[in-house]
Amino acid sequence: MASHRYARLLASSLQLLLCSSFLLADDSAPSASPCAFPAVFNFGDSNSDTGGLSAAFGAAPPPHGETFFRAPAGRYCDGRLIVDFIAQGIGLPFLSAYLNSIEANFSHGANFATAGSTIRRQNATLFQTGYSPFSLDVQTWQFTQFKSRSQIAYEKGTFRDVLPREDYFSRALYTFDIGQNDLTSGYVNNMTTEEVKATIPDILDKFTIVIKSVYGQGGRYFWIHNTGPFGCLPYVIDRFPIRAPEVDHIGCGTPFNEVAQLFNAELKQTVIKLRKDLPNAVFTYVDVYSVKFKLISQAKMHGFEHPLVSCCGHGGKYNYNFHWGCGSKAVVNGTEVMIGKACKNPLKRICWDGVHYTEAANKWVYDQIVEGAFSDPPTPLRMACQRQAH
């Protein structure tokens, strides 16, 4: 009888032990609840510039902004960018450009991106090449200054309604969309494709320095876009002629897209290394290249038309002219008229001005990436603070 009681007691003890172990394991596991990002800090180029370059060098003219904002809104697009949809997707207002001093609200983050920005500094001015002086390292310096000065002002009790709280910097989502201009700048400087490829390791070394700098200032959650198929953009295939065998079945320049794919493969490896070097950070690598190429190559299937032709531009095979861009004006018979006009239905077009995507295309891309289908790990945007297996 005593042996039976002992057996029952032992079984009960084992059951309690197993239950306790399960509860401990469950408590130590990451929460499955969505991340409550209080802010977004964005770094990048024109794909995510919400007014930086316009504030520094003059506003993007009409018809930019016409679809959503009904007027120019600092974006080189007819409406919203992917970063705008990201902000909306996590319940935040649009990001104010750091360089914009009028009606800016930084309580929910800030945007340091400017059109024409590169990861590496360019040895030329904006007026010589079109590339921004606000390279990624400069954007990081701006972030450093923003963090320091905003907290001094916040502690004094001034401008609190338009500045982030100190804890927001460690809880925010840090988004990056940059690198394409580093690659195209090589071609602008008359490099061969092989020479452009050879610059990629140094570009990514500079990128790593920036990520570690942001991490050192408290950043923990990183959402990193790779670069798109720039060999399908009118400004590239019009400006850098290639031989017929180098054009794919869609009409895109194969060498340019191969460079983009190589950059993306090495960027992914860079992110993998960053995960090891910065184990307290959470990195989501987002393959926007595949999404954008899918959209361009299957445009009709997804409700779009003329995937390689600019909606807003002036003449030529791609409705793109390097000298007469979207919104350009000229004097005709003594009267100034706009010659860089928009097409009738931007909602059906992928390319806005030969360089950038339309709002409709940006929304389509966002819809594909928001749930993590093209991410490594496959993390939805709302869960991008959760550490997952890779």
Protein backbone atom coordinates (compact mmCIF):
# COMPACT_ATOMS: atom_id res chain seq x y z
CA MET A 1 0.00 0.00 0.00
CA ALA A 2 2.86 2.34 0.91
CA SER A 3 4.49 1.64 -2.45
CA HIS A 4 1.30 2.68 -4.28
CA ARG A 5 1.12 5.93 -2.31
CA TYR A 6 4.79 6.60 -3.12
CA ALA A 7 4.16 5.97 -6.83
CA ARG A 8 1.18 8.36 -6.84
CA LEU A 9 3.22 11.00 -5.00
CA LEU A 10 6.10 10.61 -7.45
CA ALA A 11 3.74 10.92 -10.42
CA SER A 12 2.16 14.07 -8.98
CA SER A 13 5.58 15.59 -8.36
CA LEU A 14 6.69 14.86 -11.94
CA GLN A 15 3.47 16.40 -13.24
CA LEU A 16 4.03 19.56 -11.23
CA LEU A 17 7.64 19.72 -12.40
CA LEU A 18 6.64 19.38 -16.05
CA CYS A 19 3.93 22.02 -15.61
CA SER A 20 6.40 24.41 -13.95
CA SER A 21 8.95 23.83 -16.72
CA PHE A 22 6.35 24.58 -19.35
CA LEU A 23 5.32 27.80 -17.63
CA LEU A 24 8.94 28.92 -17.26
CA ALA A 25 9.63 28.17 -20.92
CA ASP A 26 6.51 30.05 -21.94
CA ASP A 27 7.46 33.08 -19.80
CA SER A 28 10.93 33.21 -21.33
CA ALA A 29 9.62 33.03 -24.91
CA PRO A 30 9.07 36.24 -26.89
CA SER A 31 5.61 37.70 -26.64
CA ALA A 32 3.33 36.99 -29.57
CA SER A 33 1.60 40.34 -29.26
CA PRO A 34 2.14 43.00 -31.95
CA CYS A 35 4.91 45.53 -31.39
CA ALA A 36 3.77 48.90 -30.15
CA PHE A 37 6.31 50.99 -32.04
CA PRO A 38 5.91 54.56 -30.76
CA ALA A 39 8.06 56.02 -33.54
CA VAL A 40 9.81 55.35 -36.85
CA PHE A 41 13.19 56.74 -37.79
CA ASN A 42 13.85 56.41 -41.50
CA PHE A 43 17.08 56.63 -43.49
CA GLY A 44 17.29 56.47 -47.26
CA ASP A 45 17.03 58.06 -50.67
CA SER A 46 14.15 59.31 -52.84
CA ASN A 47 12.25 56.04 -52.43
CA SER A 48 11.48 57.19 -48.87
CA ASP A 49 12.11 60.97 -48.92
CA THR A 50 9.07 62.76 -47.49
CA GLY A 51 10.45 66.26 -47.99
CA GLY A 52 14.13 66.41 -47.13
CA LEU A 53 15.55 67.38 -50.49
CA SER A 54 12.65 69.74 -51.17
CA ALA A 55 13.36 71.53 -47.89
CA ALA A 56 17.06 71.86 -48.67
CA PHE A 57 17.11 72.63 -52.39
CA GLY A 58 13.63 73.64 -53.51
CA ALA A 59 10.27 71.94 -53.60
CA ALA A 60 9.35 69.15 -55.95
CA PRO A 61 6.99 70.93 -58.37
CA PRO A 62 3.49 69.98 -59.55
CA PRO A 63 2.22 67.50 -60.59
CA HIS A 64 4.10 65.65 -57.82
CA GLY A 65 1.66 64.79 -55.05
CA GLU A 66 -1.47 65.20 -57.15
CA THR A 67 -3.06 61.80 -56.52
CA PHE A 68 -3.18 61.76 -52.73
CA PHE A 69 -2.08 65.13 -51.36
CA ARG A 70 -3.63 67.17 -54.22
CA ALA A 71 -0.46 69.28 -54.21
CA PRO A 72 3.33 68.77 -53.98
CA ALA A 73 4.22 67.22 -50.62
CA GLY A 74 8.00 66.85 -50.78
CA ARG A 75 7.75 63.42 -52.37
CA TYR A 76 8.94 62.49 -55.87
CA CYS A 77 5.73 60.64 -56.50
CA ASP A 78 2.10 61.37 -57.27
CA GLY A 79 1.19 60.37 -53.72
CA ARG A 80 2.34 58.17 -50.87
CA LEU A 81 5.58 56.23 -50.60
CA ILE A 82 6.16 52.81 -49.05
CA VAL A 83 7.42 54.52 -45.88
CA ASP A 84 4.10 56.37 -45.66
CA PHE A 85 2.22 53.08 -45.77
CA ILE A 86 4.61 51.64 -43.16
CA ALA A 87 3.84 54.52 -40.80
CA GLN A 88 0.10 54.13 -41.39
CA GLY A 89 0.38 50.38 -40.96
CA ILE A 90 1.67 50.68 -37.41
CA GLY A 91 -0.78 53.43 -36.54
CA LEU A 92 1.46 56.49 -36.83
CA PRO A 93 1.13 59.73 -38.83
CA PHE A 94 3.36 60.38 -41.84
CA LEU A 95 6.99 61.13 -40.97
CA SER A 96 8.18 64.72 -41.10
CA ALA A 97 11.46 65.30 -42.90
CA TYR A 98 14.25 66.21 -40.48
CA LEU A 99 15.29 69.10 -42.74
CA ASN A 100 11.80 70.57 -42.92
CA SER A 101 11.34 73.34 -40.36
CA ILE A 102 7.74 74.23 -41.24
CA GLU A 103 4.87 72.37 -39.52
CA ALA A 104 7.16 69.47 -38.64
CA ASN A 105 6.05 67.04 -35.94
CA PHE A 106 8.72 64.65 -34.67
CA SER A 107 6.77 63.20 -31.74
CA HIS A 108 6.39 59.91 -33.63
CA GLY A 109 9.78 59.83 -35.36
CA ALA A 110 11.70 61.59 -38.10
CA ASN A 111 12.77 61.03 -41.68
CA PHE A 112 16.42 61.64 -42.57
CA ALA A 113 16.14 60.39 -46.17
CA THR A 114 16.77 62.72 -49.10
CA ALA A 115 16.37 62.12 -52.80
CA GLY A 116 19.66 61.29 -54.45
CA SER A 117 21.29 60.02 -51.24
CA THR A 118 23.95 57.34 -51.30
CA ILE A 119 25.58 55.16 -48.66
CA ARG A 120 29.05 56.35 -49.65
CA ARG A 121 29.83 60.03 -50.02
CA GLN A 122 29.96 61.34 -53.58
CA ASN A 123 32.89 63.48 -54.70
CA ALA A 124 30.62 65.88 -56.55
CA THR A 125 27.86 68.37 -55.81
CA LEU A 126 24.14 67.89 -56.30
CA PHE A 127 24.26 70.31 -59.23
CA GLN A 128 26.97 68.31 -60.99
CA THR A 129 25.56 64.81 -60.73
CA GLY A 130 22.15 64.96 -59.04
CA TYR A 131 23.34 63.01 -56.01
CA SER A 132 22.52 64.39 -52.58
CA PRO A 133 25.20 65.70 -50.19
CA PHE A 134 23.25 63.97 -47.40
CA SER A 135 24.88 60.55 -47.65
CA LEU A 136 23.98 57.89 -45.11
CA ASP A 137 26.74 58.86 -42.68
CA VAL A 138 25.51 62.46 -42.75
CA GLN A 139 21.98 61.25 -42.09
CA THR A 140 23.35 59.38 -39.07
CA TRP A 141 25.05 62.53 -37.77
CA GLN A 142 21.75 64.33 -38.16
CA PHE A 143 20.06 61.57 -36.17
CA THR A 144 22.68 61.86 -33.42
CA GLN A 145 22.11 65.59 -33.19
CA PHE A 146 18.35 65.17 -33.33
CA LYS A 147 18.38 62.69 -30.47
CA SER A 148 20.60 64.86 -28.29
CA ARG A 149 18.95 68.20 -28.94
CA SER A 150 15.39 66.89 -28.84
CA GLN A 151 15.94 65.42 -25.40
CA ILE A 152 17.51 68.61 -24.05
CA ALA A 153 14.44 70.52 -25.26
CA TYR A 154 12.08 67.84 -23.95
CA GLU A 155 13.66 67.95 -20.49
CA LYS A 156 13.26 71.74 -20.44
CA GLY A 157 9.57 71.22 -21.15
CA THR A 158 9.69 73.03 -24.49
CA PHE A 159 8.14 71.66 -27.70
CA ARG A 160 7.17 68.44 -25.93
CA ASP A 161 4.13 68.02 -28.16
CA VAL A 162 6.32 67.75 -31.27
CA LEU A 163 9.32 65.82 -29.89
CA PRO A 164 9.76 62.13 -29.03
CA ARG A 165 10.18 60.88 -25.47
CA GLU A 166 13.57 59.45 -24.53
CA ASP A 167 12.35 55.86 -24.34
CA TYR A 168 11.00 56.07 -27.90
CA PHE A 169 14.52 55.76 -29.31
CA SER A 170 14.99 52.25 -27.94
CA ARG A 171 11.44 51.18 -28.82
CA ALA A 172 11.24 52.68 -32.32
CA LEU A 173 11.41 50.93 -35.67
CA TYR A 174 14.47 51.96 -37.73
CA THR A 175 13.84 51.66 -41.46
CA PHE A 176 16.45 51.75 -44.23
CA ASP A 177 15.95 51.94 -48.01
CA ILE A 178 19.18 53.00 -49.69
CA GLY A 179 21.92 51.71 -51.99
CA GLN A 180 20.52 52.05 -55.50
CA ASN A 181 22.17 55.42 -56.08
CA ASP A 182 25.57 54.03 -55.08
CA LEU A 183 25.26 51.54 -57.92
CA THR A 184 23.94 53.93 -60.56
CA SER A 185 26.57 56.52 -59.63
CA GLY A 186 29.19 54.06 -60.83
CA TYR A 187 27.64 54.08 -64.28
CA VAL A 188 27.38 57.90 -64.18
CA ASN A 189 31.13 57.90 -63.56
CA ASN A 190 31.66 55.68 -66.63
CA MET A 191 32.48 52.51 -64.71
CA THR A 192 31.98 49.13 -66.30
CA THR A 193 29.56 46.68 -64.74
CA GLU A 194 32.44 44.72 -63.26
CA GLU A 195 33.90 47.89 -61.76
CA VAL A 196 30.54 48.74 -60.21
CA LYS A 197 30.33 45.25 -58.71
CA ALA A 198 33.77 45.74 -57.17
CA THR A 199 32.51 48.72 -55.16
CA ILE A 200 29.82 46.71 -53.36
CA PRO A 201 31.95 45.43 -50.44
CA ASP A 202 33.03 48.96 -49.52
CA ILE A 203 29.47 50.26 -49.85
CA LEU A 204 28.28 47.61 -47.40
CA ASP A 205 31.18 48.25 -45.03
CA LYS A 206 29.96 51.85 -44.81
CA PHE A 207 26.40 50.59 -44.28
CA THR A 208 27.56 48.38 -41.40
CA ILE A 209 29.24 51.34 -39.70
CA VAL A 210 25.97 53.28 -39.82
CA ILE A 211 23.87 50.42 -38.42
CA LYS A 212 26.30 49.97 -35.55
CA SER A 213 26.22 53.69 -34.87
CA VAL A 214 22.42 53.68 -34.63
CA TYR A 215 22.58 50.58 -32.44
CA GLY A 216 25.06 52.36 -30.17
CA GLN A 217 22.49 55.10 -29.68
CA GLY A 218 19.79 52.71 -28.61
CA GLY A 219 18.29 51.45 -31.87
CA ARG A 220 17.20 47.82 -31.60
CA TYR A 221 14.61 47.11 -34.30
CA PHE A 222 15.78 47.35 -37.91
CA TRP A 223 13.64 46.95 -41.06
CA ILE A 224 15.99 46.91 -44.07
CA HIS A 225 14.87 46.98 -47.72
CA ASN A 226 17.15 45.66 -50.41
CA THR A 227 17.43 47.58 -53.68
CA GLY A 228 14.98 47.27 -56.55
CA PRO A 229 15.49 46.21 -60.19
CA PHE A 230 16.84 49.55 -61.37
CA GLY A 231 17.55 48.00 -64.78
CA CYS A 232 13.80 48.37 -65.40
CA LEU A 233 13.67 52.11 -64.71
CA PRO A 234 13.47 54.50 -67.67
CA TYR A 235 16.22 56.80 -66.40
CA VAL A 236 18.66 53.89 -66.46
CA ILE A 237 17.71 52.13 -69.69
CA ASP A 238 17.41 55.46 -71.50
CA ARG A 239 20.63 57.00 -70.16
CA PHE A 240 22.94 53.97 -70.26
CA PRO A 241 22.46 52.22 -73.63
CA ILE A 242 23.13 48.49 -73.75
CA ARG A 243 23.35 45.86 -76.47
CA ALA A 244 20.26 43.95 -77.60
CA PRO A 245 21.39 40.65 -75.99
CA GLU A 246 21.56 42.48 -72.66
CA VAL A 247 17.84 43.31 -72.68
CA ASP A 248 15.51 40.75 -71.12
CA HIS A 249 12.07 39.68 -72.38
CA ILE A 250 10.40 42.54 -70.48
CA GLY A 251 12.73 45.22 -71.80
CA CYS A 252 14.87 45.65 -68.67
CA GLY A 253 18.66 45.96 -68.73
CA THR A 254 20.06 42.62 -67.54
CA PRO A 255 23.51 43.89 -66.46
CA PHE A 256 21.96 46.52 -64.19
CA ASN A 257 19.60 44.05 -62.56
CA GLU A 258 22.45 41.58 -62.07
CA VAL A 259 24.34 44.28 -60.18
CA ALA A 260 21.26 44.91 -58.04
CA GLN A 261 20.91 41.19 -57.31
CA LEU A 262 24.59 40.88 -56.35
CA PHE A 263 24.26 43.89 -54.05
CA ASN A 264 21.17 42.34 -52.47
CA ALA A 265 22.84 38.97 -51.93
CA GLU A 266 25.76 40.65 -50.18
CA LEU A 267 23.43 42.95 -48.22
CA LYS A 268 21.62 39.87 -46.92
CA GLN A 269 24.93 38.37 -45.78
CA THR A 270 25.77 41.70 -44.14
CA VAL A 271 22.52 41.55 -42.19
CA ILE A 272 23.27 37.98 -41.12
CA LYS A 273 26.65 39.12 -39.77
CA LEU A 274 25.05 42.09 -38.02
CA ARG A 275 22.73 39.69 -36.20
CA LYS A 276 25.78 37.92 -34.80
CA ASP A 277 27.63 41.13 -33.96
CA LEU A 278 24.59 42.81 -32.38
CA PRO A 279 22.66 39.97 -30.69
CA ASN A 280 20.33 42.33 -28.82
CA ALA A 281 19.02 43.81 -32.08
CA VAL A 282 16.26 42.43 -34.28
CA PHE A 283 16.84 42.65 -38.05
CA THR A 284 14.24 42.11 -40.77
CA TYR A 285 15.64 41.94 -44.30
CA VAL A 286 12.94 42.75 -46.87
CA ASP A 287 13.24 41.59 -50.47
CA VAL A 288 11.55 44.44 -52.32
CA TYR A 289 13.53 43.53 -55.46
CA SER A 290 11.48 40.37 -56.00
CA VAL A 291 8.22 42.20 -55.36
CA LYS A 292 9.00 45.06 -57.74
CA PHE A 293 10.26 42.75 -60.48
CA LYS A 294 7.13 40.63 -60.13
CA LEU A 295 4.98 43.74 -60.52
CA ILE A 296 6.88 44.99 -63.57
CA SER A 297 7.06 41.60 -65.29
CA GLN A 298 3.40 40.78 -64.58
CA ALA A 299 1.98 44.29 -64.83
CA LYS A 300 -1.16 43.42 -66.76
CA MET A 301 -2.02 40.56 -64.43
CA HIS A 302 -2.01 42.97 -61.50
CA GLY A 303 -4.04 45.69 -63.20
CA PHE A 304 -1.21 47.91 -64.47
CA GLU A 305 -0.11 48.98 -67.95
CA HIS A 306 3.03 50.24 -69.73
CA PRO A 307 5.40 49.11 -66.94
CA LEU A 308 8.51 50.68 -68.48
CA VAL A 309 6.96 53.99 -69.51
CA SER A 310 6.89 57.03 -67.21
CA CYS A 311 3.51 58.44 -66.30
CA CYS A 312 4.95 61.93 -65.87
CA GLY A 313 7.57 63.02 -68.36
CA HIS A 314 8.30 64.41 -71.79
CA GLY A 315 8.62 62.33 -74.93
CA GLY A 316 10.69 59.43 -76.17
CA LYS A 317 10.19 55.69 -75.99
CA TYR A 318 9.87 55.76 -72.20
CA ASN A 319 8.28 59.22 -71.85
CA TYR A 320 11.47 60.21 -70.06
CA ASN A 321 13.87 63.04 -70.85
CA PHE A 322 16.90 63.69 -68.66
CA HIS A 323 16.73 67.43 -69.40
CA TRP A 324 12.95 67.81 -69.16
CA GLY A 325 11.67 65.93 -66.15
CA CYS A 326 8.28 65.65 -64.49
CA GLY A 327 6.93 69.13 -63.85
CA SER A 328 9.33 70.85 -66.24
CA LYS A 329 8.17 74.08 -67.86
CA ALA A 330 9.22 75.73 -71.11
CA VAL A 331 8.33 78.93 -72.95
CA VAL A 332 6.20 78.18 -76.02
CA ASN A 333 5.12 81.08 -78.22
CA GLY A 334 5.97 83.49 -75.43
CA THR A 335 3.99 81.63 -72.78
CA GLU A 336 5.37 79.41 -70.04
CA VAL A 337 3.72 76.00 -70.17
CA MET A 338 4.26 72.71 -68.39
CA ILE A 339 5.74 70.12 -70.72
CA GLY A 340 6.50 67.46 -68.10
CA LYS A 341 2.86 66.47 -67.64
CA ALA A 342 1.31 63.51 -65.87
CA CYS A 343 -0.60 60.77 -67.64
CA LYS A 344 -4.38 60.58 -67.34
CA ASN A 345 -4.53 57.63 -64.95
CA PRO A 346 -1.54 57.22 -62.58
CA LEU A 347 -3.47 54.49 -60.75
CA LYS A 348 -2.77 52.21 -63.72
CA ARG A 349 0.92 53.00 -63.94
CA ILE A 350 3.98 51.63 -62.17
CA CYS A 351 6.62 54.23 -62.97
CA TRP A 352 5.82 57.81 -62.03
CA ASP A 353 8.61 59.97 -63.46
CA GLY A 354 11.17 57.59 -64.92
CA VAL A 355 12.97 57.23 -61.59
CA HIS A 356 10.33 56.60 -58.95
CA TYR A 357 7.21 54.50 -58.49
CA THR A 358 3.62 55.71 -58.44
CA GLU A 359 1.52 55.65 -55.29
CA ALA A 360 -0.44 52.73 -56.74
CA ALA A 361 2.76 50.74 -57.25
CA ASN A 362 4.07 51.68 -53.81
CA LYS A 363 0.82 50.50 -52.25
CA TRP A 364 0.98 47.24 -54.19
CA VAL A 365 4.55 46.61 -53.01
CA TYR A 366 3.64 47.45 -49.42
CA ASP A 367 0.71 45.03 -49.50
CA GLN A 368 3.08 42.23 -50.56
CA ILE A 369 5.70 42.86 -47.86
CA VAL A 370 3.62 43.89 -44.84
CA GLU A 371 2.85 40.33 -43.70
CA GLY A 372 6.44 39.11 -44.07
CA ALA A 373 6.10 36.96 -47.19
CA PHE A 374 9.25 38.50 -48.67
CA SER A 375 11.16 38.99 -45.44
CA ASP A 376 13.99 37.11 -43.72
CA PRO A 377 12.83 36.01 -41.24
CA PRO A 378 9.21 36.01 -42.51
CA THR A 379 8.15 38.60 -39.95
CA PRO A 380 5.06 40.79 -40.41
CA LEU A 381 5.67 44.51 -39.99
CA ARG A 382 3.60 44.60 -36.80
CA MET A 383 5.85 41.88 -35.27
CA ALA A 384 9.22 43.33 -36.31
CA CYS A 385 10.35 43.69 -32.69
CA GLN A 386 10.06 39.93 -32.10
CA ARG A 387 13.16 37.77 -32.44
CA GLN A 388 12.49 34.73 -34.63
CA ALA A 389 14.45 31.76 -35.88
CA HIS A 390 16.17 32.22 -39.24
